[in-house]
């Protein structure tokens, strides 16, 4: 685990789409996640968290990577979060199952996740009234 951040410091590069997408997903999930540091490495096969560090494979941006990151973030936050559920639903509704993604596609999916949240709260209010 200590070698992975050291590797990143040795070879700083321009931010990839996957790194930008991960930062957007962190911002969407909420305030607690902002204290987490993301590290991307070719040495990592699957996302995992260690302390305040989240390690990600340095691969192309796709729906599977986003879903694995989302699951890792939810585990790391240590609590159930509706935003993670809303994002998961939006990813399955709007993002292609196979192939790469662009940042505008992710932006559209996160917008859909916000809509899912609004729809969910409206549904819950209707249940409370009934």
Foldseek 3Di string as FASTA:
>chain_A
DVVQVVVCVVDPDPDDQVNVLLVVVLVQQDDVLVQAAETEDCVDDAWADDVSYIYAYPDAAALVRVLRSLVRVVVVVVDDGLLSVLLNVLSVVQGDPDDGDGVVSSVVSSVSSVVVVVVVVVVVVVVVVD
